[in-house]
């Protein structure tokens, strides 16, 4: 019994010290400093697990057609490319300045299921620069963007051409 109470006391002490360490500002919150291995691993896994748990199990209603891919390319070009890159600028210096850095989809295709990518587009990701788009884009536009990023490395000519036309913004 004494051992159990001692173990509980140690856990409480370690937790208090850890929280005090965080509360007193010893965690570096600078966006221009690379994340620690612990931060990348732990928080990356926490984000993946949260999205997997929270994203509704829905099927993408947008069919894989050239017009839908071109529409998704327009949504991506106008709203996403400045952070996530495009064929003319595959590595976005803007997105690389975030911490954690924004995924660069020209090099690293989105690997989550489409329902999870849609959820991320809708709600954003806290403590990153990923905004919630649900008040700015329609569900149709978000699904078209999801379809596009899911097939970004195998695009038909009409979708690729969208990137040669400058954005209206």
C-alpha atoms as a PDB file:
ATOM      1  CA  UNK A   1       0.000   0.000   0.000  1.00  0.00           C
ATOM      2  CA  UNK A   2       2.861   2.365   0.844  1.00  0.00           C
ATOM      3  CA  UNK A   3       4.443   1.625  -2.540  1.00  0.00           C
ATOM      4  CA  UNK A   4       1.241   2.530  -4.349  1.00  0.00           C
ATOM      5  CA  UNK A   5       0.907   5.834  -2.479  1.00  0.00           C
ATOM      6  CA  UNK A   6       4.574   6.614  -3.189  1.00  0.00           C
ATOM      7  CA  UNK A   7       4.050   5.876  -6.909  1.00  0.00           C
ATOM      8  CA  UNK A   8       0.967   8.134  -7.013  1.00  0.00           C
ATOM      9  CA  UNK A   9       2.916  10.904  -5.292  1.00  0.00           C
ATOM     10  CA  UNK A  10       5.777  10.579  -7.797  1.00  0.00           C
ATOM     11  CA  UNK A  11       3.337  10.739 -10.749  1.00  0.00           C
ATOM     12  CA  UNK A  12       1.695  13.849  -9.278  1.00  0.00           C
ATOM     13  CA  UNK A  13       5.100  15.475  -8.696  1.00  0.00           C
ATOM     14  CA  UNK A  14       6.336  14.712 -12.225  1.00  0.00           C
ATOM     15  CA  UNK A  15       3.080  15.995 -13.712  1.00  0.00           C
ATOM     16  CA  UNK A  16       3.277  19.204 -11.656  1.00  0.00           C
ATOM     17  CA  UNK A  17       6.902  19.759 -12.681  1.00  0.00           C
ATOM     18  CA  UNK A  18       6.047  19.159 -16.340  1.00  0.00           C
ATOM     19  CA  UNK A  19       3.089  21.536 -16.226  1.00  0.00           C
ATOM     20  CA  UNK A  20       5.186  24.113 -14.387  1.00  0.00           C
ATOM     21  CA  UNK A  21       7.881  23.799 -17.066  1.00  0.00           C
ATOM     22  CA  UNK A  22       5.267  24.506 -19.752  1.00  0.00           C
ATOM     23  CA  UNK A  23       3.429  27.188 -17.761  1.00  0.00           C
ATOM     24  CA  UNK A  24       6.614  29.157 -17.075  1.00  0.00           C
ATOM     25  CA  UNK A  25       7.407  29.418 -20.779  1.00  0.00           C
ATOM     26  CA  UNK A  26      10.249  26.945 -21.175  1.00  0.00           C
ATOM     27  CA  UNK A  27       8.657  25.488 -24.324  1.00  0.00           C
ATOM     28  CA  UNK A  28       9.929  27.364 -27.373  1.00  0.00           C
ATOM     29  CA  UNK A  29       6.891  28.572 -29.342  1.00  0.00           C
ATOM     30  CA  UNK A  30       8.815  30.323 -32.148  1.00  0.00           C
ATOM     31  CA  UNK A  31       7.578  29.445 -35.616  1.00  0.00           C
ATOM     32  CA  UNK A  32      11.091  29.789 -37.062  1.00  0.00           C
ATOM     33  CA  UNK A  33      12.600  27.165 -34.745  1.00  0.00           C
ATOM     34  CA  UNK A  34      12.278  23.548 -35.842  1.00  0.00           C
ATOM     35  CA  UNK A  35      10.006  21.390 -33.696  1.00  0.00           C
ATOM     36  CA  UNK A  36      11.645  18.947 -31.327  1.00  0.00           C
ATOM     37  CA  UNK A  37      11.552  15.240 -32.118  1.00  0.00           C
ATOM     38  CA  UNK A  38       9.113  14.771 -29.227  1.00  0.00           C
ATOM     39  CA  UNK A  39       6.846  17.538 -30.527  1.00  0.00           C
ATOM     40  CA  UNK A  40       6.862  16.223 -34.098  1.00  0.00           C
ATOM     41  CA  UNK A  41       6.215  12.637 -33.079  1.00  0.00           C
ATOM     42  CA  UNK A  42       3.778  13.152 -30.219  1.00  0.00           C
ATOM     43  CA  UNK A  43       1.729  16.014 -31.654  1.00  0.00           C
ATOM     44  CA  UNK A  44       1.784  14.584 -35.185  1.00  0.00           C
ATOM     45  CA  UNK A  45       0.353  11.329 -33.862  1.00  0.00           C
ATOM     46  CA  UNK A  46      -2.164  13.220 -31.704  1.00  0.00           C
ATOM     47  CA  UNK A  47      -3.367  15.198 -34.741  1.00  0.00           C
ATOM     48  CA  UNK A  48      -3.671  12.055 -36.885  1.00  0.00           C
ATOM     49  CA  UNK A  49      -5.551  10.220 -34.124  1.00  0.00           C
ATOM     50  CA  UNK A  50      -7.881  13.162 -33.500  1.00  0.00           C
ATOM     51  CA  UNK A  51      -8.775  13.495 -37.179  1.00  0.00           C
ATOM     52  CA  UNK A  52      -9.252   9.738 -37.578  1.00  0.00           C
ATOM     53  CA  UNK A  53     -11.530   9.680 -34.530  1.00  0.00           C
ATOM     54  CA  UNK A  54     -13.518  12.829 -35.400  1.00  0.00           C
ATOM     55  CA  UNK A  55     -13.936  12.663 -39.176  1.00  0.00           C
ATOM     56  CA  UNK A  56     -17.327  11.238 -40.139  1.00  0.00           C
ATOM     57  CA  UNK A  57     -17.195   8.064 -42.204  1.00  0.00           C
ATOM     58  CA  UNK A  58     -18.530   9.612 -45.405  1.00  0.00           C
ATOM     59  CA  UNK A  59     -17.836   8.893 -49.049  1.00  0.00           C
ATOM     60  CA  UNK A  60     -16.649  11.567 -51.435  1.00  0.00           C
ATOM     61  CA  UNK A  61     -19.721  12.552 -53.513  1.00  0.00           C
ATOM     62  CA  UNK A  62     -17.561  14.133 -56.254  1.00  0.00           C
ATOM     63  CA  UNK A  63     -16.926  11.751 -59.123  1.00  0.00           C
ATOM     64  CA  UNK A  64     -13.456  11.435 -60.555  1.00  0.00           C
ATOM     65  CA  UNK A  65     -13.958  13.319 -63.825  1.00  0.00           C
ATOM     66  CA  UNK A  66     -11.778  15.772 -65.725  1.00  0.00           C
ATOM     67  CA  UNK A  67     -14.175  18.714 -65.071  1.00  0.00           C
ATOM     68  CA  UNK A  68     -14.210  17.952 -61.321  1.00  0.00           C
ATOM     69  CA  UNK A  69     -10.422  17.660 -61.221  1.00  0.00           C
ATOM     70  CA  UNK A  70     -10.129  20.982 -63.084  1.00  0.00           C
ATOM     71  CA  UNK A  71     -12.591  22.591 -60.645  1.00  0.00           C
ATOM     72  CA  UNK A  72     -10.593  21.152 -57.734  1.00  0.00           C
ATOM     73  CA  UNK A  73      -7.396  22.488 -59.303  1.00  0.00           C
ATOM     74  CA  UNK A  74      -8.951  25.979 -59.403  1.00  0.00           C
ATOM     75  CA  UNK A  75      -9.967  25.747 -55.723  1.00  0.00           C
ATOM     76  CA  UNK A  76      -6.476  24.485 -54.845  1.00  0.00           C
ATOM     77  CA  UNK A  77      -4.711  27.145 -56.959  1.00  0.00           C
ATOM     78  CA  UNK A  78      -6.769  29.994 -55.507  1.00  0.00           C
ATOM     79  CA  UNK A  79      -6.771  28.875 -51.846  1.00  0.00           C
ATOM     80  CA  UNK A  80      -4.137  26.232 -51.139  1.00  0.00           C
ATOM     81  CA  UNK A  81      -1.136  26.541 -53.479  1.00  0.00           C
ATOM     82  CA  UNK A  82       0.458  29.480 -51.688  1.00  0.00           C
ATOM     83  CA  UNK A  83       1.070  27.213 -48.671  1.00  0.00           C
ATOM     84  CA  UNK A  84       1.137  23.721 -50.207  1.00  0.00           C
ATOM     85  CA  UNK A  85       2.930  24.391 -53.519  1.00  0.00           C
ATOM     86  CA  UNK A  86       2.014  23.919 -57.152  1.00  0.00           C
ATOM     87  CA  UNK A  87       3.802  22.708 -60.305  1.00  0.00           C
ATOM     88  CA  UNK A  88       5.378  26.131 -60.970  1.00  0.00           C
ATOM     89  CA  UNK A  89       6.562  26.441 -57.345  1.00  0.00           C
ATOM     90  CA  UNK A  90       6.580  22.927 -55.869  1.00  0.00           C
ATOM     91  CA  UNK A  91       8.090  24.001 -52.537  1.00  0.00           C
ATOM     92  CA  UNK A  92       6.219  26.925 -51.060  1.00  0.00           C
ATOM     93  CA  UNK A  93       8.560  29.185 -49.079  1.00  0.00           C
ATOM     94  CA  UNK A  94       5.479  30.555 -47.324  1.00  0.00           C
ATOM     95  CA  UNK A  95       4.286  27.094 -46.212  1.00  0.00           C
ATOM     96  CA  UNK A  96       7.806  26.076 -45.226  1.00  0.00           C
ATOM     97  CA  UNK A  97       7.871  28.995 -42.774  1.00  0.00           C
ATOM     98  CA  UNK A  98       5.089  27.488 -40.691  1.00  0.00           C
ATOM     99  CA  UNK A  99       5.786  25.297 -37.714  1.00  0.00           C
ATOM    100  CA  UNK A 100       4.964  22.583 -38.348  1.00  0.00           C
ATOM    101  CA  UNK A 101       5.655  23.184 -42.045  1.00  0.00           C
ATOM    102  CA  UNK A 102       2.690  22.850 -44.384  1.00  0.00           C
ATOM    103  CA  UNK A 103       2.720  19.582 -46.357  1.00  0.00           C
ATOM    104  CA  UNK A 104       4.125  20.137 -49.832  1.00  0.00           C
ATOM    105  CA  UNK A 105       1.730  18.109 -51.982  1.00  0.00           C
ATOM    106  CA  UNK A 106       3.881  18.268 -55.128  1.00  0.00           C
ATOM    107  CA  UNK A 107       6.411  16.084 -53.292  1.00  0.00           C
ATOM    108  CA  UNK A 108       4.374  14.405 -50.573  1.00  0.00           C
ATOM    109  CA  UNK A 109       0.882  13.378 -51.657  1.00  0.00           C
ATOM    110  CA  UNK A 110      -1.911  13.551 -49.116  1.00  0.00           C
ATOM    111  CA  UNK A 111      -1.986  10.098 -47.539  1.00  0.00           C
ATOM    112  CA  UNK A 112      -5.096  10.337 -45.352  1.00  0.00           C
ATOM    113  CA  UNK A 113      -8.433   8.950 -46.474  1.00  0.00           C
ATOM    114  CA  UNK A 114     -10.585  11.446 -48.353  1.00  0.00           C
ATOM    115  CA  UNK A 115     -13.109  11.815 -45.527  1.00  0.00           C
ATOM    116  CA  UNK A 116     -10.272  12.886 -43.208  1.00  0.00           C
ATOM    117  CA  UNK A 117      -8.898  15.387 -45.730  1.00  0.00           C
ATOM    118  CA  UNK A 118     -12.407  16.818 -46.097  1.00  0.00           C
ATOM    119  CA  UNK A 119     -12.690  17.094 -42.303  1.00  0.00           C
ATOM    120  CA  UNK A 120      -9.359  18.948 -42.153  1.00  0.00           C
ATOM    121  CA  UNK A 121     -10.499  21.347 -44.886  1.00  0.00           C
ATOM    122  CA  UNK A 122     -13.763  21.972 -43.051  1.00  0.00           C
ATOM    123  CA  UNK A 123     -12.353  22.492 -39.563  1.00  0.00           C
ATOM    124  CA  UNK A 124      -8.651  23.327 -39.954  1.00  0.00           C
ATOM    125  CA  UNK A 125      -5.915  22.192 -37.577  1.00  0.00           C
ATOM    126  CA  UNK A 126      -5.328  24.033 -34.320  1.00  0.00           C
ATOM    127  CA  UNK A 127      -1.831  25.459 -33.697  1.00  0.00           C
ATOM    128  CA  UNK A 128      -0.901  25.238 -37.352  1.00  0.00           C
ATOM    129  CA  UNK A 129      -1.647  27.727 -40.092  1.00  0.00           C
ATOM    130  CA  UNK A 130      -4.336  25.434 -41.565  1.00  0.00           C
ATOM    131  CA  UNK A 131      -7.584  27.414 -41.446  1.00  0.00           C
ATOM    132  CA  UNK A 132     -11.135  26.114 -41.336  1.00  0.00           C
ATOM    133  CA  UNK A 133     -12.631  26.603 -44.818  1.00  0.00           C
ATOM    134  CA  UNK A 134     -16.259  25.695 -44.026  1.00  0.00           C
ATOM    135  CA  UNK A 135     -17.380  29.345 -44.017  1.00  0.00           C
ATOM    136  CA  UNK A 136     -15.424  30.255 -47.154  1.00  0.00           C
ATOM    137  CA  UNK A 137     -15.907  27.292 -49.501  1.00  0.00           C
ATOM    138  CA  UNK A 138     -18.935  25.168 -50.278  1.00  0.00           C
ATOM    139  CA  UNK A 139     -18.964  21.456 -49.497  1.00  0.00           C
ATOM    140  CA  UNK A 140     -18.810  20.834 -53.256  1.00  0.00           C
ATOM    141  CA  UNK A 141     -15.664  22.977 -53.583  1.00  0.00           C
ATOM    142  CA  UNK A 142     -14.015  21.261 -50.617  1.00  0.00           C
ATOM    143  CA  UNK A 143     -14.810  17.802 -52.035  1.00  0.00           C
ATOM    144  CA  UNK A 144     -13.430  18.898 -55.422  1.00  0.00           C
ATOM    145  CA  UNK A 145     -10.227  20.037 -53.702  1.00  0.00           C
ATOM    146  CA  UNK A 146     -10.023  16.704 -51.845  1.00  0.00           C
ATOM    147  CA  UNK A 147     -10.496  14.828 -55.127  1.00  0.00           C
ATOM    148  CA  UNK A 148      -7.803  16.984 -56.701  1.00  0.00           C
ATOM    149  CA  UNK A 149      -5.187  16.492 -53.957  1.00  0.00           C
ATOM    150  CA  UNK A 150      -5.947  12.769 -53.888  1.00  0.00           C
ATOM    151  CA  UNK A 151      -4.967  12.590 -57.579  1.00  0.00           C
ATOM    152  CA  UNK A 152      -2.451  15.435 -57.763  1.00  0.00           C
ATOM    153  CA  UNK A 153       0.248  13.241 -59.312  1.00  0.00           C
ATOM    154  CA  UNK A 154      -1.987  11.793 -62.044  1.00  0.00           C
ATOM    155  CA  UNK A 155      -3.864  14.771 -63.467  1.00  0.00           C
ATOM    156  CA  UNK A 156      -5.431  15.062 -66.915  1.00  0.00           C
ATOM    157  CA  UNK A 157      -4.358  17.991 -69.151  1.00  0.00           C
ATOM    158  CA  UNK A 158      -7.374  20.210 -68.281  1.00  0.00           C
ATOM    159  CA  UNK A 159      -6.552  20.069 -64.574  1.00  0.00           C
ATOM    160  CA  UNK A 160      -2.843  20.669 -65.191  1.00  0.00           C
ATOM    161  CA  UNK A 161      -3.615  23.684 -67.376  1.00  0.00           C
ATOM    162  CA  UNK A 162      -5.392  25.400 -64.471  1.00  0.00           C
ATOM    163  CA  UNK A 163      -1.960  26.032 -62.971  1.00  0.00           C
ATOM    164  CA  UNK A 164      -0.767  27.898 -66.076  1.00  0.00           C
ATOM    165  CA  UNK A 165      -3.605  30.422 -65.726  1.00  0.00           C
ATOM    166  CA  UNK A 166      -2.971  33.041 -63.060  1.00  0.00           C
ATOM    167  CA  UNK A 167      -5.314  33.220 -60.123  1.00  0.00           C
ATOM    168  CA  UNK A 168      -7.983  35.930 -60.184  1.00  0.00           C
ATOM    169  CA  UNK A 169      -6.976  36.911 -56.610  1.00  0.00           C
END
